[in-house]
Amino acid sequence: MQRPCALCLRLMDSIGEPISSIPVTKIYKASHGMCKTCGDRWLEQALQDTQPQAVTRPPVLEVKVSSNY
């Protein structure tokens, strides 16, 4: 099965390896995925942009439980 990569529009095979060196016209009814080249590039960029973030915790609420209803 050949399908175009959603990012670079090159044809790729069933395991995501690009099989064309030039982009094809966009097929709007096709099920797009990413080729391995674009996927690796996207993952590398996503990991570089990741920085530690502060975690906010909700305030502690004091709850008094009684057996009187």
PDB file of N, CA and C in Angstrom:
ATOM      1  N   MET A   1       0.844  -1.185   0.000  1.00  0.00           N
ATOM      2  CA  MET A   1       0.000   0.000   0.000  1.00  0.00           C
ATOM      3  C   MET A   1       0.883   1.240   0.000  1.00  0.00           C
ATOM      4  N   GLN A   2       0.617   2.139  -0.883  1.00  0.00           N
ATOM      5  CA  GLN A   2       1.352   3.397  -0.945  1.00  0.00           C
ATOM      6  C   GLN A   2       0.420   4.521  -0.523  1.00  0.00           C
ATOM      7  N   ARG A   3       0.932   5.384   0.320  1.00  0.00           N
ATOM      8  CA  ARG A   3       0.140   6.533   0.761  1.00  0.00           C
ATOM      9  C   ARG A   3       1.082   7.704   0.967  1.00  0.00           C
ATOM     10  N   PRO A   4       0.582   8.927   0.857  1.00  0.00           N
ATOM     11  CA  PRO A   4       1.447  10.090   1.031  1.00  0.00           C
ATOM     12  C   PRO A   4       1.617  10.447   2.503  1.00  0.00           C
ATOM     13  N   CYS A   5       2.805  10.933   2.848  1.00  0.00           N
ATOM     14  CA  CYS A   5       3.070  11.451   4.184  1.00  0.00           C
ATOM     15  C   CYS A   5       2.273  12.739   4.351  1.00  0.00           C
ATOM     16  N   ALA A   6       1.670  12.934   5.514  1.00  0.00           N
ATOM     17  CA  ALA A   6       0.855  14.126   5.750  1.00  0.00           C
ATOM     18  C   ALA A   6       1.700  15.393   5.798  1.00  0.00           C
ATOM     19  N   LEU A   7       2.982  15.287   6.104  1.00  0.00           N
ATOM     20  CA  LEU A   7       3.818  16.475   6.224  1.00  0.00           C
ATOM     21  C   LEU A   7       4.580  16.804   4.951  1.00  0.00           C
ATOM     22  N   CYS A   8       5.293  15.829   4.387  1.00  0.00           N
ATOM     23  CA  CYS A   8       6.122  16.120   3.216  1.00  0.00           C
ATOM     24  C   CYS A   8       5.471  15.711   1.890  1.00  0.00           C
ATOM     25  N   LEU A   9       4.364  14.971   1.948  1.00  0.00           N
ATOM     26  CA  LEU A   9       3.601  14.514   0.784  1.00  0.00           C
ATOM     27  C   LEU A   9       4.362  13.541  -0.123  1.00  0.00           C
ATOM     28  N   ARG A  10       5.479  12.981   0.361  1.00  0.00           N
ATOM     29  CA  ARG A  10       6.160  11.939  -0.424  1.00  0.00           C
ATOM     30  C   ARG A  10       5.449  10.614  -0.188  1.00  0.00           C
ATOM     31  N   LEU A  11       5.421   9.768  -1.194  1.00  0.00           N
ATOM     32  CA  LEU A  11       4.812   8.453  -1.029  1.00  0.00           C
ATOM     33  C   LEU A  11       5.656   7.616  -0.072  1.00  0.00           C
ATOM     34  N   MET A  12       4.979   6.814   0.749  1.00  0.00           N
ATOM     35  CA  MET A  12       5.683   5.913   1.661  1.00  0.00           C
ATOM     36  C   MET A  12       5.056   4.536   1.570  1.00  0.00           C
ATOM     37  N   ASP A  13       5.834   3.531   1.958  1.00  0.00           N
ATOM     38  CA  ASP A  13       5.314   2.171   1.933  1.00  0.00           C
ATOM     39  C   ASP A  13       4.576   1.866   3.242  1.00  0.00           C
ATOM     40  N   SER A  14       4.190   0.611   3.441  1.00  0.00           N
ATOM     41  CA  SER A  14       3.366   0.247   4.588  1.00  0.00           C
ATOM     42  C   SER A  14       4.084   0.362   5.927  1.00  0.00           C
ATOM     43  N   ILE A  15       5.419   0.440   5.935  1.00  0.00           N
ATOM     44  CA  ILE A  15       6.145   0.587   7.198  1.00  0.00           C
ATOM     45  C   ILE A  15       6.670   2.006   7.401  1.00  0.00           C
ATOM     46  N   GLY A  16       6.271   2.929   6.546  1.00  0.00           N
ATOM     47  CA  GLY A  16       6.631   4.337   6.716  1.00  0.00           C
ATOM     48  C   GLY A  16       7.903   4.785   6.046  1.00  0.00           C
ATOM     49  N   GLU A  17       8.504   3.936   5.237  1.00  0.00           N
ATOM     50  CA  GLU A  17       9.721   4.328   4.518  1.00  0.00           C
ATOM     51  C   GLU A  17       9.353   5.115   3.268  1.00  0.00           C
ATOM     52  N   PRO A  18       9.948   6.293   3.084  1.00  0.00           N
ATOM     53  CA  PRO A  18       9.662   7.066   1.865  1.00  0.00           C
ATOM     54  C   PRO A  18      10.108   6.302   0.619  1.00  0.00           C
ATOM     55  N   ILE A  19       9.262   6.284  -0.409  1.00  0.00           N
ATOM     56  CA  ILE A  19       9.625   5.584  -1.641  1.00  0.00           C
ATOM     57  C   ILE A  19       9.670   6.529  -2.836  1.00  0.00           C
ATOM     58  N   SER A  20       9.385   7.813  -2.611  1.00  0.00           N
ATOM     59  CA  SER A  20       9.504   8.787  -3.699  1.00  0.00           C
ATOM     60  C   SER A  20      10.329   9.963  -3.196  1.00  0.00           C
ATOM     61  N   SER A  21      11.040  10.579  -4.099  1.00  0.00           N
ATOM     62  CA  SER A  21      11.891  11.696  -3.701  1.00  0.00           C
ATOM     63  C   SER A  21      11.207  13.045  -3.914  1.00  0.00           C
ATOM     64  N   ILE A  22      10.079  13.035  -4.616  1.00  0.00           N
ATOM     65  CA  ILE A  22       9.358  14.288  -4.834  1.00  0.00           C
ATOM     66  C   ILE A  22       7.944  14.157  -4.261  1.00  0.00           C
ATOM     67  N   PRO A  23       7.378  15.262  -3.792  1.00  0.00           N
ATOM     68  CA  PRO A  23       6.023  15.218  -3.247  1.00  0.00           C
ATOM     69  C   PRO A  23       4.985  14.926  -4.329  1.00  0.00           C
ATOM     70  N   VAL A  24       3.905  14.296  -3.922  1.00  0.00           N
ATOM     71  CA  VAL A  24       2.780  14.057  -4.831  1.00  0.00           C
ATOM     72  C   VAL A  24       1.677  15.051  -4.474  1.00  0.00           C
ATOM     73  N   THR A  25       0.688  15.183  -5.357  1.00  0.00           N
ATOM     74  CA  THR A  25      -0.423  16.076  -5.038  1.00  0.00           C
ATOM     75  C   THR A  25      -1.207  15.501  -3.868  1.00  0.00           C
ATOM     76  N   LYS A  26      -1.750  16.372  -3.044  1.00  0.00           N
ATOM     77  CA  LYS A  26      -2.470  15.954  -1.846  1.00  0.00           C
ATOM     78  C   LYS A  26      -3.737  15.205  -2.224  1.00  0.00           C
ATOM     79  N   ILE A  27      -3.936  14.055  -1.596  1.00  0.00           N
ATOM     80  CA  ILE A  27      -5.134  13.247  -1.796  1.00  0.00           C
ATOM     81  C   ILE A  27      -5.986  13.421  -0.547  1.00  0.00           C
ATOM     82  N   TYR A  28      -7.053  14.166  -0.655  1.00  0.00           N
ATOM     83  CA  TYR A  28      -7.836  14.532   0.524  1.00  0.00           C
ATOM     84  C   TYR A  28      -8.592  13.353   1.128  1.00  0.00           C
ATOM     85  N   LYS A  29      -8.901  12.336   0.359  1.00  0.00           N
ATOM     86  CA  LYS A  29      -9.621  11.188   0.898  1.00  0.00           C
ATOM     87  C   LYS A  29      -8.680  10.096   1.408  1.00  0.00           C
ATOM     88  N   ALA A  30      -7.378  10.314   1.315  1.00  0.00           N
ATOM     89  CA  ALA A  30      -6.411   9.305   1.745  1.00  0.00           C
ATOM     90  C   ALA A  30      -6.237   9.346   3.250  1.00  0.00           C
ATOM     91  N   SER A  31      -5.887   8.210   3.795  1.00  0.00           N
ATOM     92  CA  SER A  31      -5.561   8.129   5.222  1.00  0.00           C
ATOM     93  C   SER A  31      -4.085   8.458   5.357  1.00  0.00           C
ATOM     94  N   HIS A  32      -3.779   9.624   5.875  1.00  0.00           N
ATOM     95  CA  HIS A  32      -2.401  10.078   5.946  1.00  0.00           C
ATOM     96  C   HIS A  32      -1.759   9.656   7.256  1.00  0.00           C
ATOM     97  N   GLY A  33      -0.487   9.482   7.211  1.00  0.00           N
ATOM     98  CA  GLY A  33       0.336   9.251   8.382  1.00  0.00           C
ATOM     99  C   GLY A  33       1.628   9.997   8.138  1.00  0.00           C
ATOM    100  N   MET A  34       2.630   9.739   8.965  1.00  0.00           N
ATOM    101  CA  MET A  34       3.931  10.377   8.775  1.00  0.00           C
ATOM    102  C   MET A  34       4.939   9.330   8.331  1.00  0.00           C
ATOM    103  N   CYS A  35       5.793   9.711   7.424  1.00  0.00           N
ATOM    104  CA  CYS A  35       6.893   8.822   7.058  1.00  0.00           C
ATOM    105  C   CYS A  35       7.908   8.837   8.203  1.00  0.00           C
ATOM    106  N   LYS A  36       8.805   7.878   8.205  1.00  0.00           N
ATOM    107  CA  LYS A  36       9.780   7.784   9.297  1.00  0.00           C
ATOM    108  C   LYS A  36      10.678   9.018   9.377  1.00  0.00           C
ATOM    109  N   THR A  37      11.025   9.582   8.242  1.00  0.00           N
ATOM    110  CA  THR A  37      11.882  10.771   8.232  1.00  0.00           C
ATOM    111  C   THR A  37      11.202  11.933   8.940  1.00  0.00           C
ATOM    112  N   CYS A  38       9.956  12.210   8.585  1.00  0.00           N
ATOM    113  CA  CYS A  38       9.217  13.305   9.228  1.00  0.00           C
ATOM    114  C   CYS A  38       8.907  12.975  10.685  1.00  0.00           C
ATOM    115  N   GLY A  39       8.606  11.710  10.966  1.00  0.00           N
ATOM    116  CA  GLY A  39       8.331  11.308  12.339  1.00  0.00           C
ATOM    117  C   GLY A  39       9.542  11.488  13.235  1.00  0.00           C
ATOM    118  N   ASP A  40      10.720  11.104  12.744  1.00  0.00           N
ATOM    119  CA  ASP A  40      11.950  11.285  13.524  1.00  0.00           C
ATOM    120  C   ASP A  40      12.242  12.772  13.740  1.00  0.00           C
ATOM    121  N   ARG A  41      12.050  13.571  12.707  1.00  0.00           N
ATOM    122  CA  ARG A  41      12.287  15.009  12.807  1.00  0.00           C
ATOM    123  C   ARG A  41      11.320  15.648  13.808  1.00  0.00           C
ATOM    124  N   TRP A  42      10.042  15.243  13.750  1.00  0.00           N
ATOM    125  CA  TRP A  42       9.041  15.776  14.668  1.00  0.00           C
ATOM    126  C   TRP A  42       9.366  15.388  16.114  1.00  0.00           C
ATOM    127  N   LEU A  43       9.734  14.121  16.328  1.00  0.00           N
ATOM    128  CA  LEU A  43      10.049  13.647  17.672  1.00  0.00           C
ATOM    129  C   LEU A  43      11.268  14.363  18.238  1.00  0.00           C
ATOM    130  N   GLU A  44      12.290  14.563  17.426  1.00  0.00           N
ATOM    131  CA  GLU A  44      13.488  15.273  17.871  1.00  0.00           C
ATOM    132  C   GLU A  44      13.148  16.701  18.287  1.00  0.00           C
ATOM    133  N   GLN A  45      12.328  17.370  17.504  1.00  0.00           N
ATOM    134  CA  GLN A  45      11.938  18.740  17.829  1.00  0.00           C
ATOM    135  C   GLN A  45      11.076  18.773  19.089  1.00  0.00           C
ATOM    136  N   ALA A  46      10.168  17.821  19.226  1.00  0.00           N
ATOM    137  CA  ALA A  46       9.294  17.782  20.408  1.00  0.00           C
ATOM    138  C   ALA A  46      10.104  17.545  21.679  1.00  0.00           C
ATOM    139  N   LEU A  47      11.109  16.697  21.599  1.00  0.00           N
ATOM    140  CA  LEU A  47      11.928  16.418  22.780  1.00  0.00           C
ATOM    141  C   LEU A  47      12.827  17.590  23.130  1.00  0.00           C
ATOM    142  N   GLN A  48      13.272  18.355  22.147  1.00  0.00           N
ATOM    143  CA  GLN A  48      14.105  19.522  22.418  1.00  0.00           C
ATOM    144  C   GLN A  48      13.297  20.634  23.071  1.00  0.00           C
ATOM    145  N   ASP A  49      12.037  20.762  22.689  1.00  0.00           N
ATOM    146  CA  ASP A  49      11.192  21.825  23.223  1.00  0.00           C
ATOM    147  C   ASP A  49      10.648  21.507  24.610  1.00  0.00           C
ATOM    148  N   THR A  50      10.833  20.285  25.072  1.00  0.00           N
ATOM    149  CA  THR A  50      10.308  19.893  26.372  1.00  0.00           C
ATOM    150  C   THR A  50      11.216  20.398  27.475  1.00  0.00           C
ATOM    151  N   GLN A  51      10.641  21.148  28.394  1.00  0.00           N
ATOM    152  CA  GLN A  51      11.387  21.652  29.537  1.00  0.00           C
ATOM    153  C   GLN A  51      10.600  21.328  30.793  1.00  0.00           C
ATOM    154  N   PRO A  52      11.290  21.195  31.918  1.00  0.00           N
ATOM    155  CA  PRO A  52      10.575  20.916  33.159  1.00  0.00           C
ATOM    156  C   PRO A  52       9.560  22.030  33.462  1.00  0.00           C
ATOM    157  N   GLN A  53       8.424  21.618  33.946  1.00  0.00           N
ATOM    158  CA  GLN A  53       7.382  22.581  34.278  1.00  0.00           C
ATOM    159  C   GLN A  53       6.999  22.420  35.740  1.00  0.00           C
ATOM    160  N   ALA A  54       6.664  23.527  36.361  1.00  0.00           N
ATOM    161  CA  ALA A  54       6.238  23.493  37.754  1.00  0.00           C
ATOM    162  C   ALA A  54       4.867  22.825  37.849  1.00  0.00           C
ATOM    163  N   VAL A  55       4.713  22.032  38.872  1.00  0.00           N
ATOM    164  CA  VAL A  55       3.438  21.354  39.098  1.00  0.00           C
ATOM    165  C   VAL A  55       2.681  22.110  40.174  1.00  0.00           C
ATOM    166  N   THR A  56       1.494  22.525  39.855  1.00  0.00           N
ATOM    167  CA  THR A  56       0.670  23.201  40.857  1.00  0.00           C
ATOM    168  C   THR A  56      -0.233  22.172  41.507  1.00  0.00           C
ATOM    169  N   ARG A  57      -0.342  22.277  42.802  1.00  0.00           N
ATOM    170  CA  ARG A  57      -1.182  21.335  43.535  1.00  0.00           C
ATOM    171  C   ARG A  57      -2.378  22.089  44.097  1.00  0.00           C
ATOM    172  N   PRO A  58      -3.531  21.438  44.137  1.00  0.00           N
ATOM    173  CA  PRO A  58      -4.707  22.113  44.688  1.00  0.00           C
ATOM    174  C   PRO A  58      -4.533  22.335  46.185  1.00  0.00           C
ATOM    175  N   PRO A  59      -5.170  23.369  46.718  1.00  0.00           N
ATOM    176  CA  PRO A  59      -5.045  23.620  48.163  1.00  0.00           C
ATOM    177  C   PRO A  59      -5.655  22.474  48.964  1.00  0.00           C
ATOM    178  N   VAL A  60      -5.085  22.230  50.120  1.00  0.00           N
ATOM    179  CA  VAL A  60      -5.582  21.172  50.990  1.00  0.00           C
ATOM    180  C   VAL A  60      -6.808  21.688  51.721  1.00  0.00           C
ATOM    181  N   LEU A  61      -7.882  20.943  51.622  1.00  0.00           N
ATOM    182  CA  LEU A  61      -9.118  21.320  52.291  1.00  0.00           C
ATOM    183  C   LEU A  61      -9.264  20.511  53.577  1.00  0.00           C
ATOM    184  N   GLU A  62      -9.651  21.194  54.625  1.00  0.00           N
ATOM    185  CA  GLU A  62      -9.903  20.488  55.876  1.00  0.00           C
ATOM    186  C   GLU A  62     -11.373  20.103  55.915  1.00  0.00           C
ATOM    187  N   VAL A  63     -11.622  18.842  56.085  1.00  0.00           N
ATOM    188  CA  VAL A  63     -12.987  18.342  56.117  1.00  0.00           C
ATOM    189  C   VAL A  63     -13.212  17.669  57.454  1.00  0.00           C
ATOM    190  N   LYS A  64     -14.254  18.083  58.114  1.00  0.00           N
ATOM    191  CA  LYS A  64     -14.600  17.467  59.391  1.00  0.00           C
ATOM    192  C   LYS A  64     -15.786  16.546  59.146  1.00  0.00           C
ATOM    193  N   VAL A  65     -15.600  15.306  59.525  1.00  0.00           N
ATOM    194  CA  VAL A  65     -16.649  14.304  59.331  1.00  0.00           C
ATOM    195  C   VAL A  65     -17.281  14.036  60.686  1.00  0.00           C
ATOM    196  N   SER A  66     -18.602  14.084  60.710  1.00  0.00           N
ATOM    197  CA  SER A  66     -19.296  13.756  61.947  1.00  0.00           C
ATOM    198  C   SER A  66     -20.340  12.694  61.666  1.00  0.00           C
ATOM    199  N   SER A  67     -20.746  12.002  62.698  1.00  0.00           N
ATOM    200  CA  SER A  67     -21.735  10.949  62.511  1.00  0.00           C
ATOM    201  C   SER A  67     -23.150  11.498  62.692  1.00  0.00           C
ATOM    202  N   ASN A  68     -23.300  12.768  62.940  1.00  0.00           N
ATOM    203  CA  ASN A  68     -24.629  13.381  63.097  1.00  0.00           C
ATOM    204  C   ASN A  68     -25.104  13.901  61.757  1.00  0.00           C
ATOM    205  N   TYR A  69     -26.212  13.386  61.309  1.00  0.00           N
ATOM    206  CA  TYR A  69     -26.757  13.839  60.034  1.00  0.00           C
ATOM    207  C   TYR A  69     -27.990  14.639  60.223  1.00  0.00           C
TER     208      TYR A  69
END
